[in-house]
Amino acid sequence: MGDPSPRPLVGVSSCLLGERVRYDGGHKREVFVVEDLAARFELLPICPEMAIGMGVPRPPLQLVLEADGIHARGVHDPDLDVTDRLLVFARETLPGLSRLCGYVFKARSPSCGVGSTPVLVPGHPSREDSGLFAAALQTAFPLLPVEQEDRLRDPVLRDRFVERVYQHSRLRDQERGSGINP
């Protein structure tokens, strides 16, 4: 009989795994993600900007606060607005991510930052907020453990994240076993 509890599934920004998906064709490979977390968890790479067809290389994006909310616009071409495409991607993708037990996001990303992404506020000092995909995921799954790679460089925060992922996984297993939320 096989292992009844597979490794917990953790979403991760694709660039953190060394995939060359960033706007400039680069990556942001993090050794602890590729080695430590990959040894503990099943990792699901996701790059929202690639998923909406932006390709590599692509124009860099920034978040801009407008009258109707935060938009993802081109840094050099403000007419480039991929807000709706990112939100549609999130809306269509999130139901399939209900098995996740955690997520590691790329800090400061307009799609994946968690409270760290600069938001241009015309006529005012900029502020920080979450990227569009990260915000949608956290709204859909408010109890899901999430972190950014920059914070996980701290071994104490990394250990806490790992434990929260395992706790989330155990809770999901218990709920499935009891018939709650199968």
C-alpha atoms as a PDB file:
ATOM      1  CA  MET A   1       0.000   0.000   0.000  1.00  0.00           C
ATOM      2  CA  GLY A   2       1.370   3.452  -0.973  1.00  0.00           C
ATOM      3  CA  ASP A   3       1.856   6.498   1.189  1.00  0.00           C
ATOM      4  CA  PRO A   4      -1.663   7.728   2.077  1.00  0.00           C
ATOM      5  CA  SER A   5      -0.428  11.306   2.475  1.00  0.00           C
ATOM      6  CA  PRO A   6       1.440  12.609  -0.550  1.00  0.00           C
ATOM      7  CA  ARG A   7       3.783  15.540  -0.093  1.00  0.00           C
ATOM      8  CA  PRO A   8       1.879  18.804   0.392  1.00  0.00           C
ATOM      9  CA  LEU A   9       1.356  20.815  -2.792  1.00  0.00           C
ATOM     10  CA  VAL A  10       2.881  24.304  -2.671  1.00  0.00           C
ATOM     11  CA  GLY A  11       2.512  26.908  -5.390  1.00  0.00           C
ATOM     12  CA  VAL A  12       5.630  28.883  -6.285  1.00  0.00           C
ATOM     13  CA  SER A  13       6.453  31.753  -8.598  1.00  0.00           C
ATOM     14  CA  SER A  14       8.146  30.041 -11.561  1.00  0.00           C
ATOM     15  CA  CYS A  15      11.107  32.428 -11.617  1.00  0.00           C
ATOM     16  CA  LEU A  16      12.116  31.239  -8.127  1.00  0.00           C
ATOM     17  CA  LEU A  17      12.710  27.753  -9.568  1.00  0.00           C
ATOM     18  CA  GLY A  18      15.160  29.134 -12.097  1.00  0.00           C
ATOM     19  CA  GLU A  19      12.711  29.266 -14.979  1.00  0.00           C
ATOM     20  CA  ARG A  20      13.571  32.130 -17.321  1.00  0.00           C
ATOM     21  CA  VAL A  21      10.142  33.734 -17.248  1.00  0.00           C
ATOM     22  CA  ARG A  22      10.907  37.245 -16.034  1.00  0.00           C
ATOM     23  CA  TYR A  23      10.232  40.269 -18.211  1.00  0.00           C
ATOM     24  CA  ASP A  24      13.950  40.541 -19.084  1.00  0.00           C
ATOM     25  CA  GLY A  25      14.369  36.828 -19.838  1.00  0.00           C
ATOM     26  CA  GLY A  26      16.045  36.159 -16.516  1.00  0.00           C
ATOM     27  CA  HIS A  27      15.080  34.250 -13.408  1.00  0.00           C
ATOM     28  CA  LYS A  28      15.360  34.701  -9.647  1.00  0.00           C
ATOM     29  CA  ARG A  29      16.373  31.139  -8.705  1.00  0.00           C
ATOM     30  CA  GLU A  30      16.408  30.638  -4.936  1.00  0.00           C
ATOM     31  CA  VAL A  31      18.522  27.709  -3.768  1.00  0.00           C
ATOM     32  CA  PHE A  32      16.380  27.039  -0.689  1.00  0.00           C
ATOM     33  CA  VAL A  33      13.257  26.797  -2.859  1.00  0.00           C
ATOM     34  CA  VAL A  34      14.872  24.506  -5.429  1.00  0.00           C
ATOM     35  CA  GLU A  35      16.636  22.316  -2.852  1.00  0.00           C
ATOM     36  CA  ASP A  36      15.027  22.577   0.588  1.00  0.00           C
ATOM     37  CA  LEU A  37      11.369  23.208  -0.217  1.00  0.00           C
ATOM     38  CA  ALA A  38      11.388  20.917  -3.272  1.00  0.00           C
ATOM     39  CA  ALA A  39      12.640  18.070  -1.065  1.00  0.00           C
ATOM     40  CA  ARG A  40       9.701  18.558   1.328  1.00  0.00           C
ATOM     41  CA  PHE A  41       6.844  19.576  -0.932  1.00  0.00           C
ATOM     42  CA  GLU A  42       5.469  19.007  -4.398  1.00  0.00           C
ATOM     43  CA  LEU A  43       5.984  22.373  -6.096  1.00  0.00           C
ATOM     44  CA  LEU A  44       3.564  23.830  -8.628  1.00  0.00           C
ATOM     45  CA  PRO A  45       5.254  26.583 -10.675  1.00  0.00           C
ATOM     46  CA  ILE A  46       3.049  29.432 -11.856  1.00  0.00           C
ATOM     47  CA  CYS A  47       3.902  32.641 -13.700  1.00  0.00           C
ATOM     48  CA  PRO A  48       0.725  34.673 -14.235  1.00  0.00           C
ATOM     49  CA  GLU A  49       2.360  37.022 -16.738  1.00  0.00           C
ATOM     50  CA  MET A  50       3.499  34.119 -18.921  1.00  0.00           C
ATOM     51  CA  ALA A  51       0.108  32.450 -18.482  1.00  0.00           C
ATOM     52  CA  ILE A  52      -1.663  35.466 -19.984  1.00  0.00           C
ATOM     53  CA  GLY A  53       0.580  35.255 -23.048  1.00  0.00           C
ATOM     54  CA  MET A  54       2.992  38.100 -22.389  1.00  0.00           C
ATOM     55  CA  GLY A  55       6.049  36.051 -23.385  1.00  0.00           C
ATOM     56  CA  VAL A  56       9.743  36.641 -22.741  1.00  0.00           C
ATOM     57  CA  PRO A  57      11.118  39.198 -23.041  1.00  0.00           C
ATOM     58  CA  ARG A  58       8.160  41.472 -22.369  1.00  0.00           C
ATOM     59  CA  PRO A  59       7.559  45.038 -21.299  1.00  0.00           C
ATOM     60  CA  PRO A  60       8.034  45.530 -17.556  1.00  0.00           C
ATOM     61  CA  LEU A  61       4.866  46.187 -15.557  1.00  0.00           C
ATOM     62  CA  GLN A  62       4.073  48.358 -12.579  1.00  0.00           C
ATOM     63  CA  LEU A  63       1.022  48.769 -10.389  1.00  0.00           C
ATOM     64  CA  VAL A  64      -0.794  52.092 -10.700  1.00  0.00           C
ATOM     65  CA  LEU A  65      -3.648  53.279  -8.496  1.00  0.00           C
ATOM     66  CA  GLU A  66      -6.482  54.635 -10.620  1.00  0.00           C
ATOM     67  CA  ALA A  67     -10.014  55.777  -9.818  1.00  0.00           C
ATOM     68  CA  ASP A  68     -11.405  52.255 -10.296  1.00  0.00           C
ATOM     69  CA  GLY A  69      -8.620  50.435  -8.417  1.00  0.00           C
ATOM     70  CA  ILE A  70      -5.121  49.130  -8.962  1.00  0.00           C
ATOM     71  CA  HIS A  71      -4.029  48.427 -12.545  1.00  0.00           C
ATOM     72  CA  ALA A  72      -1.041  46.547 -13.968  1.00  0.00           C
ATOM     73  CA  ARG A  73       0.347  48.878 -16.619  1.00  0.00           C
ATOM     74  CA  GLY A  74       3.498  49.046 -18.708  1.00  0.00           C
ATOM     75  CA  VAL A  75       6.343  50.979 -17.106  1.00  0.00           C
ATOM     76  CA  HIS A  76       7.419  52.538 -20.429  1.00  0.00           C
ATOM     77  CA  ASP A  77       4.020  52.345 -22.149  1.00  0.00           C
ATOM     78  CA  PRO A  78       1.183  53.319 -19.778  1.00  0.00           C
ATOM     79  CA  ASP A  79      -1.335  52.390 -22.495  1.00  0.00           C
ATOM     80  CA  LEU A  80      -0.373  48.739 -21.922  1.00  0.00           C
ATOM     81  CA  ASP A  81      -2.907  47.562 -19.332  1.00  0.00           C
ATOM     82  CA  VAL A  82      -2.994  43.834 -18.524  1.00  0.00           C
ATOM     83  CA  THR A  83      -5.173  44.177 -15.427  1.00  0.00           C
ATOM     84  CA  ASP A  84      -8.216  42.425 -16.874  1.00  0.00           C
ATOM     85  CA  ARG A  85      -6.114  39.613 -18.350  1.00  0.00           C
ATOM     86  CA  LEU A  86      -4.436  38.955 -14.974  1.00  0.00           C
ATOM     87  CA  LEU A  87      -7.764  39.042 -13.129  1.00  0.00           C
ATOM     88  CA  VAL A  88      -9.390  36.655 -15.627  1.00  0.00           C
ATOM     89  CA  PHE A  89      -6.399  34.312 -15.280  1.00  0.00           C
ATOM     90  CA  ALA A  90      -6.762  34.408 -11.488  1.00  0.00           C
ATOM     91  CA  ARG A  91     -10.523  33.836 -11.622  1.00  0.00           C
ATOM     92  CA  GLU A  92     -10.140  30.862 -13.970  1.00  0.00           C
ATOM     93  CA  THR A  93      -7.111  29.354 -12.210  1.00  0.00           C
ATOM     94  CA  LEU A  94      -7.995  29.679  -8.520  1.00  0.00           C
ATOM     95  CA  PRO A  95     -10.613  26.890  -8.394  1.00  0.00           C
ATOM     96  CA  GLY A  96      -7.944  24.445  -9.571  1.00  0.00           C
ATOM     97  CA  LEU A  97      -5.598  25.569  -6.800  1.00  0.00           C
ATOM     98  CA  SER A  98      -7.827  24.459  -3.931  1.00  0.00           C
ATOM     99  CA  ARG A  99      -5.392  21.567  -3.210  1.00  0.00           C
ATOM    100  CA  LEU A 100      -2.580  23.972  -2.352  1.00  0.00           C
ATOM    101  CA  CYS A 101      -1.181  23.852   1.174  1.00  0.00           C
ATOM    102  CA  GLY A 102       1.014  26.936   0.733  1.00  0.00           C
ATOM    103  CA  TYR A 103       2.459  29.405  -1.743  1.00  0.00           C
ATOM    104  CA  VAL A 104       5.845  31.099  -2.194  1.00  0.00           C
ATOM    105  CA  PHE A 105       5.595  34.353  -4.137  1.00  0.00           C
ATOM    106  CA  LYS A 106       8.206  36.607  -5.745  1.00  0.00           C
ATOM    107  CA  ALA A 107       8.529  39.800  -3.722  1.00  0.00           C
ATOM    108  CA  ARG A 108       7.743  43.154  -5.354  1.00  0.00           C
ATOM    109  CA  SER A 109       6.212  41.532  -8.451  1.00  0.00           C
ATOM    110  CA  PRO A 110       3.177  43.302  -9.989  1.00  0.00           C
ATOM    111  CA  SER A 111       1.454  39.930 -10.176  1.00  0.00           C
ATOM    112  CA  CYS A 112       2.994  38.036  -7.247  1.00  0.00           C
ATOM    113  CA  GLY A 113       4.240  40.402  -4.529  1.00  0.00           C
ATOM    114  CA  VAL A 114       2.581  40.090  -1.108  1.00  0.00           C
ATOM    115  CA  GLY A 115       2.213  43.559   0.375  1.00  0.00           C
ATOM    116  CA  SER A 116       5.609  44.542  -1.051  1.00  0.00           C
ATOM    117  CA  THR A 117       4.873  45.693  -4.589  1.00  0.00           C
ATOM    118  CA  PRO A 118       5.275  49.414  -5.214  1.00  0.00           C
ATOM    119  CA  VAL A 119       2.055  51.088  -6.355  1.00  0.00           C
ATOM    120  CA  LEU A 120       2.365  54.350  -8.256  1.00  0.00           C
ATOM    121  CA  VAL A 121      -0.121  56.857  -6.871  1.00  0.00           C
ATOM    122  CA  PRO A 122      -0.191  59.840  -9.248  1.00  0.00           C
ATOM    123  CA  GLY A 123       0.464  63.066  -7.373  1.00  0.00           C
ATOM    124  CA  HIS A 124       1.297  61.269  -4.121  1.00  0.00           C
ATOM    125  CA  PRO A 125       4.095  59.168  -2.655  1.00  0.00           C
ATOM    126  CA  SER A 126       3.962  55.588  -3.818  1.00  0.00           C
ATOM    127  CA  ARG A 127       2.763  52.889  -1.457  1.00  0.00           C
ATOM    128  CA  GLU A 128       3.069  49.114  -1.316  1.00  0.00           C
ATOM    129  CA  ASP A 129       0.360  46.536  -1.938  1.00  0.00           C
ATOM    130  CA  SER A 130       0.011  43.008  -3.248  1.00  0.00           C
ATOM    131  CA  GLY A 131       0.339  41.966  -6.856  1.00  0.00           C
ATOM    132  CA  LEU A 132      -2.929  41.207  -8.628  1.00  0.00           C
ATOM    133  CA  PHE A 133      -2.610  37.400  -8.665  1.00  0.00           C
ATOM    134  CA  ALA A 134      -1.312  37.212  -5.090  1.00  0.00           C
ATOM    135  CA  ALA A 135      -4.171  39.404  -3.847  1.00  0.00           C
ATOM    136  CA  ALA A 136      -6.757  37.251  -5.635  1.00  0.00           C
ATOM    137  CA  LEU A 137      -5.267  34.031  -4.244  1.00  0.00           C
ATOM    138  CA  GLN A 138      -5.205  35.403  -0.690  1.00  0.00           C
ATOM    139  CA  THR A 139      -8.817  36.556  -1.012  1.00  0.00           C
ATOM    140  CA  ALA A 140      -9.917  33.147  -2.302  1.00  0.00           C
ATOM    141  CA  PHE A 141      -7.893  31.171   0.287  1.00  0.00           C
ATOM    142  CA  PRO A 142      -7.430  33.424   3.337  1.00  0.00           C
ATOM    143  CA  LEU A 143      -6.082  30.598   5.548  1.00  0.00           C
ATOM    144  CA  LEU A 144      -3.482  29.421   3.024  1.00  0.00           C
ATOM    145  CA  PRO A 145       0.094  29.928   4.289  1.00  0.00           C
ATOM    146  CA  VAL A 146       1.863  32.339   1.929  1.00  0.00           C
ATOM    147  CA  GLU A 147       5.310  33.897   1.998  1.00  0.00           C
ATOM    148  CA  GLN A 148       7.709  35.756  -0.244  1.00  0.00           C
ATOM    149  CA  GLU A 149      11.124  34.403  -1.107  1.00  0.00           C
ATOM    150  CA  ASP A 150      12.936  37.354   0.455  1.00  0.00           C
ATOM    151  CA  ARG A 151      11.404  36.631   3.867  1.00  0.00           C
ATOM    152  CA  LEU A 152      12.126  32.913   3.553  1.00  0.00           C
ATOM    153  CA  ARG A 153      15.847  33.623   3.423  1.00  0.00           C
ATOM    154  CA  ASP A 154      15.503  33.966   7.202  1.00  0.00           C
ATOM    155  CA  PRO A 155      15.812  30.382   8.544  1.00  0.00           C
ATOM    156  CA  VAL A 156      13.383  31.063  11.406  1.00  0.00           C
ATOM    157  CA  LEU A 157      10.678  32.393   9.074  1.00  0.00           C
ATOM    158  CA  ARG A 158      11.349  29.527   6.653  1.00  0.00           C
ATOM    159  CA  ASP A 159      10.907  26.929   9.442  1.00  0.00           C
ATOM    160  CA  ARG A 160       7.658  28.624  10.502  1.00  0.00           C
ATOM    161  CA  PHE A 161       6.377  28.593   6.919  1.00  0.00           C
ATOM    162  CA  VAL A 162       7.247  24.907   6.507  1.00  0.00           C
ATOM    163  CA  GLU A 163       5.410  24.051   9.733  1.00  0.00           C
ATOM    164  CA  ARG A 164       2.359  26.107   8.668  1.00  0.00           C
ATOM    165  CA  VAL A 165       2.273  24.226   5.341  1.00  0.00           C
ATOM    166  CA  TYR A 166       2.377  20.863   7.139  1.00  0.00           C
ATOM    167  CA  GLN A 167      -0.341  22.022   9.558  1.00  0.00           C
ATOM    168  CA  HIS A 168      -2.512  23.130   6.645  1.00  0.00           C
ATOM    169  CA  SER A 169      -1.952  19.768   4.956  1.00  0.00           C
ATOM    170  CA  ARG A 170      -2.868  17.840   8.117  1.00  0.00           C
ATOM    171  CA  LEU A 171      -6.011  19.907   8.558  1.00  0.00           C
ATOM    172  CA  ARG A 172      -7.033  19.209   4.950  1.00  0.00           C
ATOM    173  CA  ASP A 173      -6.406  15.474   5.486  1.00  0.00           C
ATOM    174  CA  GLN A 174      -8.552  15.531   8.638  1.00  0.00           C
ATOM    175  CA  GLU A 175     -11.350  17.387   6.845  1.00  0.00           C
ATOM    176  CA  ARG A 176     -11.282  14.872   3.996  1.00  0.00           C
ATOM    177  CA  GLY A 177     -11.313  11.974   6.458  1.00  0.00           C
ATOM    178  CA  SER A 178     -14.319  13.388   8.285  1.00  0.00           C
ATOM    179  CA  GLY A 179     -16.220  14.169   5.100  1.00  0.00           C
ATOM    180  CA  ILE A 180     -15.861  17.928   5.539  1.00  0.00           C
ATOM    181  CA  ASN A 181     -14.772  19.731   2.381  1.00  0.00           C
ATOM    182  CA  PRO A 182     -13.688  16.546   0.540  1.00  0.00           C
END
